[in-house]
């Protein structure tokens, strides 16, 4: 057994429901290049798909409960922000989303438009591709 995990080193799962499971998966898989790392069907009425990147300390989980509607994002300021300091990688990420049929949207907070591009997933949750380095990395 390895060293004890703390909150500082724990793997992070960001989970949220959706009414459009396949469309949301396509956005993150095809548009952002995530890989399907796990999935389940009809687990107590829920279907779910986990998406991530090998070696990353986080992954995303999207679930759908049959017969239950969750609706859209509550605001335009619900964000996932990815810091991409390499200009070529940043441009490739934008192009991948555009090839998948997604165009940038105006950010609710204009700060994100200064050095980034914001995209809305099928549920209205926003993803910012920020052309900058996170200062603590």
C-alpha atoms as a PDB file:
ATOM      1  CA  UNK A   1       0.000   0.000   0.000  1.00  0.00           C
ATOM      2  CA  UNK A   2       1.356   3.438  -0.994  1.00  0.00           C
ATOM      3  CA  UNK A   3       1.421   6.641   0.989  1.00  0.00           C
ATOM      4  CA  UNK A   4      -1.830   7.889   2.463  1.00  0.00           C
ATOM      5  CA  UNK A   5      -3.894  10.118   0.194  1.00  0.00           C
ATOM      6  CA  UNK A   6      -4.813  13.522   1.522  1.00  0.00           C
ATOM      7  CA  UNK A   7      -7.241  16.062   0.133  1.00  0.00           C
ATOM      8  CA  UNK A   8      -4.211  17.695  -1.533  1.00  0.00           C
ATOM      9  CA  UNK A   9      -3.321  14.525  -3.485  1.00  0.00           C
ATOM     10  CA  UNK A  10      -6.739  12.888  -3.914  1.00  0.00           C
ATOM     11  CA  UNK A  11      -8.062  12.143  -7.390  1.00  0.00           C
ATOM     12  CA  UNK A  12     -10.924  14.532  -8.174  1.00  0.00           C
ATOM     13  CA  UNK A  13     -14.173  13.431  -9.857  1.00  0.00           C
ATOM     14  CA  UNK A  14     -16.430  16.212 -11.054  1.00  0.00           C
ATOM     15  CA  UNK A  15     -19.888  14.711 -11.454  1.00  0.00           C
ATOM     16  CA  UNK A  16     -23.087  16.176 -12.785  1.00  0.00           C
ATOM     17  CA  UNK A  17     -26.352  14.998 -14.279  1.00  0.00           C
ATOM     18  CA  UNK A  18     -27.499  15.654 -17.811  1.00  0.00           C
ATOM     19  CA  UNK A  19     -30.581  15.098 -19.924  1.00  0.00           C
ATOM     20  CA  UNK A  20     -28.381  14.759 -23.023  1.00  0.00           C
ATOM     21  CA  UNK A  21     -25.836  12.112 -22.094  1.00  0.00           C
ATOM     22  CA  UNK A  22     -24.660  11.230 -25.612  1.00  0.00           C
ATOM     23  CA  UNK A  23     -24.414  14.867 -26.775  1.00  0.00           C
ATOM     24  CA  UNK A  24     -22.478  15.871 -23.662  1.00  0.00           C
ATOM     25  CA  UNK A  25     -20.111  12.906 -24.087  1.00  0.00           C
ATOM     26  CA  UNK A  26     -19.516  13.898 -27.712  1.00  0.00           C
ATOM     27  CA  UNK A  27     -18.677  17.475 -26.648  1.00  0.00           C
ATOM     28  CA  UNK A  28     -16.040  16.407 -24.127  1.00  0.00           C
ATOM     29  CA  UNK A  29     -14.771  13.329 -25.995  1.00  0.00           C
ATOM     30  CA  UNK A  30     -14.734  14.589 -29.582  1.00  0.00           C
ATOM     31  CA  UNK A  31     -14.481  18.321 -28.945  1.00  0.00           C
ATOM     32  CA  UNK A  32     -12.022  18.365 -26.059  1.00  0.00           C
ATOM     33  CA  UNK A  33     -10.227  15.068 -26.630  1.00  0.00           C
ATOM     34  CA  UNK A  34     -11.232  13.346 -23.382  1.00  0.00           C
ATOM     35  CA  UNK A  35     -11.212   9.543 -23.327  1.00  0.00           C
ATOM     36  CA  UNK A  36     -13.999   7.343 -22.004  1.00  0.00           C
ATOM     37  CA  UNK A  37     -12.430   5.753 -18.909  1.00  0.00           C
ATOM     38  CA  UNK A  38     -15.520   4.024 -17.571  1.00  0.00           C
ATOM     39  CA  UNK A  39     -19.245   3.702 -17.954  1.00  0.00           C
ATOM     40  CA  UNK A  40     -22.286   1.992 -16.510  1.00  0.00           C
ATOM     41  CA  UNK A  41     -25.833   1.276 -17.661  1.00  0.00           C
ATOM     42  CA  UNK A  42     -28.980   0.909 -15.582  1.00  0.00           C
ATOM     43  CA  UNK A  43     -27.292   1.080 -12.182  1.00  0.00           C
ATOM     44  CA  UNK A  44     -30.359   1.673  -9.998  1.00  0.00           C
ATOM     45  CA  UNK A  45     -31.924   3.526 -12.942  1.00  0.00           C
ATOM     46  CA  UNK A  46     -28.815   5.576 -13.754  1.00  0.00           C
ATOM     47  CA  UNK A  47     -26.575   5.533 -16.818  1.00  0.00           C
ATOM     48  CA  UNK A  48     -23.181   7.181 -16.580  1.00  0.00           C
ATOM     49  CA  UNK A  49     -19.955   7.798 -18.429  1.00  0.00           C
ATOM     50  CA  UNK A  50     -16.609   8.895 -16.988  1.00  0.00           C
ATOM     51  CA  UNK A  51     -14.213  10.876 -19.181  1.00  0.00           C
ATOM     52  CA  UNK A  52     -10.612  11.762 -18.460  1.00  0.00           C
ATOM     53  CA  UNK A  53      -7.001  11.784 -19.582  1.00  0.00           C
ATOM     54  CA  UNK A  54      -4.396   9.184 -18.682  1.00  0.00           C
ATOM     55  CA  UNK A  55      -2.342  10.359 -15.716  1.00  0.00           C
ATOM     56  CA  UNK A  56      -4.573  13.343 -14.910  1.00  0.00           C
ATOM     57  CA  UNK A  57      -5.576  13.807 -11.282  1.00  0.00           C
ATOM     58  CA  UNK A  58      -9.208  14.425 -12.223  1.00  0.00           C
ATOM     59  CA  UNK A  59     -12.001  13.088 -14.403  1.00  0.00           C
ATOM     60  CA  UNK A  60     -15.548  14.059 -15.317  1.00  0.00           C
ATOM     61  CA  UNK A  61     -18.640  11.934 -14.757  1.00  0.00           C
ATOM     62  CA  UNK A  62     -21.950  12.571 -16.488  1.00  0.00           C
ATOM     63  CA  UNK A  63     -25.067  10.709 -15.383  1.00  0.00           C
ATOM     64  CA  UNK A  64     -28.665  10.404 -16.484  1.00  0.00           C
ATOM     65  CA  UNK A  65     -31.540   8.980 -14.443  1.00  0.00           C
ATOM     66  CA  UNK A  66     -34.310   7.653 -16.604  1.00  0.00           C
ATOM     67  CA  UNK A  67     -37.561   9.525 -16.171  1.00  0.00           C
ATOM     68  CA  UNK A  68     -35.894  12.469 -14.394  1.00  0.00           C
ATOM     69  CA  UNK A  69     -35.161  15.867 -15.971  1.00  0.00           C
ATOM     70  CA  UNK A  70     -32.334  18.061 -14.683  1.00  0.00           C
ATOM     71  CA  UNK A  71     -32.524  20.927 -17.176  1.00  0.00           C
ATOM     72  CA  UNK A  72     -29.781  23.327 -18.204  1.00  0.00           C
ATOM     73  CA  UNK A  73     -26.892  25.004 -16.373  1.00  0.00           C
ATOM     74  CA  UNK A  74     -28.195  27.394 -13.715  1.00  0.00           C
ATOM     75  CA  UNK A  75     -26.067  30.326 -14.988  1.00  0.00           C
ATOM     76  CA  UNK A  76     -23.683  31.249 -17.802  1.00  0.00           C
ATOM     77  CA  UNK A  77     -20.896  31.516 -15.231  1.00  0.00           C
ATOM     78  CA  UNK A  78     -20.670  27.788 -14.352  1.00  0.00           C
ATOM     79  CA  UNK A  79     -17.178  27.121 -15.699  1.00  0.00           C
ATOM     80  CA  UNK A  80     -14.508  24.510 -16.186  1.00  0.00           C
ATOM     81  CA  UNK A  81     -11.280  26.351 -16.999  1.00  0.00           C
ATOM     82  CA  UNK A  82      -8.335  24.663 -18.706  1.00  0.00           C
ATOM     83  CA  UNK A  83      -5.061  26.632 -18.692  1.00  0.00           C
ATOM     84  CA  UNK A  84      -3.179  26.002 -21.934  1.00  0.00           C
ATOM     85  CA  UNK A  85       0.013  28.090 -22.050  1.00  0.00           C
ATOM     86  CA  UNK A  86       1.308  26.528 -25.280  1.00  0.00           C
ATOM     87  CA  UNK A  87      -0.222  28.573 -28.124  1.00  0.00           C
ATOM     88  CA  UNK A  88      -0.235  25.665 -30.594  1.00  0.00           C
ATOM     89  CA  UNK A  89      -2.001  23.355 -28.127  1.00  0.00           C
ATOM     90  CA  UNK A  90      -4.496  26.110 -27.306  1.00  0.00           C
ATOM     91  CA  UNK A  91      -5.258  26.629 -31.016  1.00  0.00           C
ATOM     92  CA  UNK A  92      -5.576  22.849 -31.571  1.00  0.00           C
ATOM     93  CA  UNK A  93      -8.062  22.599 -28.686  1.00  0.00           C
ATOM     94  CA  UNK A  94     -10.170  25.420 -30.146  1.00  0.00           C
ATOM     95  CA  UNK A  95     -10.033  23.854 -33.615  1.00  0.00           C
ATOM     96  CA  UNK A  96     -11.080  20.424 -32.235  1.00  0.00           C
ATOM     97  CA  UNK A  97     -14.212  21.962 -30.720  1.00  0.00           C
ATOM     98  CA  UNK A  98     -15.009  23.870 -33.896  1.00  0.00           C
ATOM     99  CA  UNK A  99     -14.559  20.777 -36.083  1.00  0.00           C
ATOM    100  CA  UNK A 100     -16.976  19.000 -33.703  1.00  0.00           C
ATOM    101  CA  UNK A 101     -19.518  21.757 -34.437  1.00  0.00           C
ATOM    102  CA  UNK A 102     -19.066  24.057 -31.426  1.00  0.00           C
ATOM    103  CA  UNK A 103     -18.344  27.766 -31.796  1.00  0.00           C
ATOM    104  CA  UNK A 104     -17.046  30.087 -29.058  1.00  0.00           C
ATOM    105  CA  UNK A 105     -19.581  32.059 -27.049  1.00  0.00           C
ATOM    106  CA  UNK A 106     -19.164  35.376 -25.288  1.00  0.00           C
ATOM    107  CA  UNK A 107     -18.158  34.885 -21.670  1.00  0.00           C
ATOM    108  CA  UNK A 108     -20.442  36.176 -18.942  1.00  0.00           C
ATOM    109  CA  UNK A 109     -17.306  37.539 -17.253  1.00  0.00           C
ATOM    110  CA  UNK A 110     -15.301  39.463 -19.899  1.00  0.00           C
ATOM    111  CA  UNK A 111     -12.051  38.485 -18.159  1.00  0.00           C
ATOM    112  CA  UNK A 112     -12.145  35.078 -19.883  1.00  0.00           C
ATOM    113  CA  UNK A 113     -12.413  36.637 -23.366  1.00  0.00           C
ATOM    114  CA  UNK A 114      -9.140  38.560 -22.976  1.00  0.00           C
ATOM    115  CA  UNK A 115      -6.873  35.495 -23.199  1.00  0.00           C
ATOM    116  CA  UNK A 116      -9.274  32.662 -23.787  1.00  0.00           C
ATOM    117  CA  UNK A 117     -12.166  31.187 -25.690  1.00  0.00           C
ATOM    118  CA  UNK A 118     -15.350  29.992 -24.034  1.00  0.00           C
ATOM    119  CA  UNK A 119     -17.578  27.208 -25.342  1.00  0.00           C
ATOM    120  CA  UNK A 120     -20.976  26.035 -24.084  1.00  0.00           C
ATOM    121  CA  UNK A 121     -21.608  22.305 -23.772  1.00  0.00           C
ATOM    122  CA  UNK A 122     -25.061  20.948 -24.761  1.00  0.00           C
ATOM    123  CA  UNK A 123     -26.386  21.631 -21.242  1.00  0.00           C
ATOM    124  CA  UNK A 124     -25.133  25.232 -21.237  1.00  0.00           C
ATOM    125  CA  UNK A 125     -22.217  24.649 -18.876  1.00  0.00           C
ATOM    126  CA  UNK A 126     -19.224  26.647 -20.029  1.00  0.00           C
ATOM    127  CA  UNK A 127     -15.679  25.474 -20.758  1.00  0.00           C
ATOM    128  CA  UNK A 128     -12.931  28.086 -20.983  1.00  0.00           C
ATOM    129  CA  UNK A 129      -9.746  27.343 -22.894  1.00  0.00           C
ATOM    130  CA  UNK A 130      -7.453  29.926 -21.322  1.00  0.00           C
ATOM    131  CA  UNK A 131      -4.246  30.759 -23.201  1.00  0.00           C
ATOM    132  CA  UNK A 132      -2.207  31.218 -20.032  1.00  0.00           C
ATOM    133  CA  UNK A 133      -0.271  29.299 -17.432  1.00  0.00           C
ATOM    134  CA  UNK A 134      -1.810  28.771 -14.021  1.00  0.00           C
ATOM    135  CA  UNK A 135       0.457  30.874 -11.775  1.00  0.00           C
ATOM    136  CA  UNK A 136       0.866  28.098  -9.177  1.00  0.00           C
ATOM    137  CA  UNK A 137       2.044  25.388 -11.577  1.00  0.00           C
END
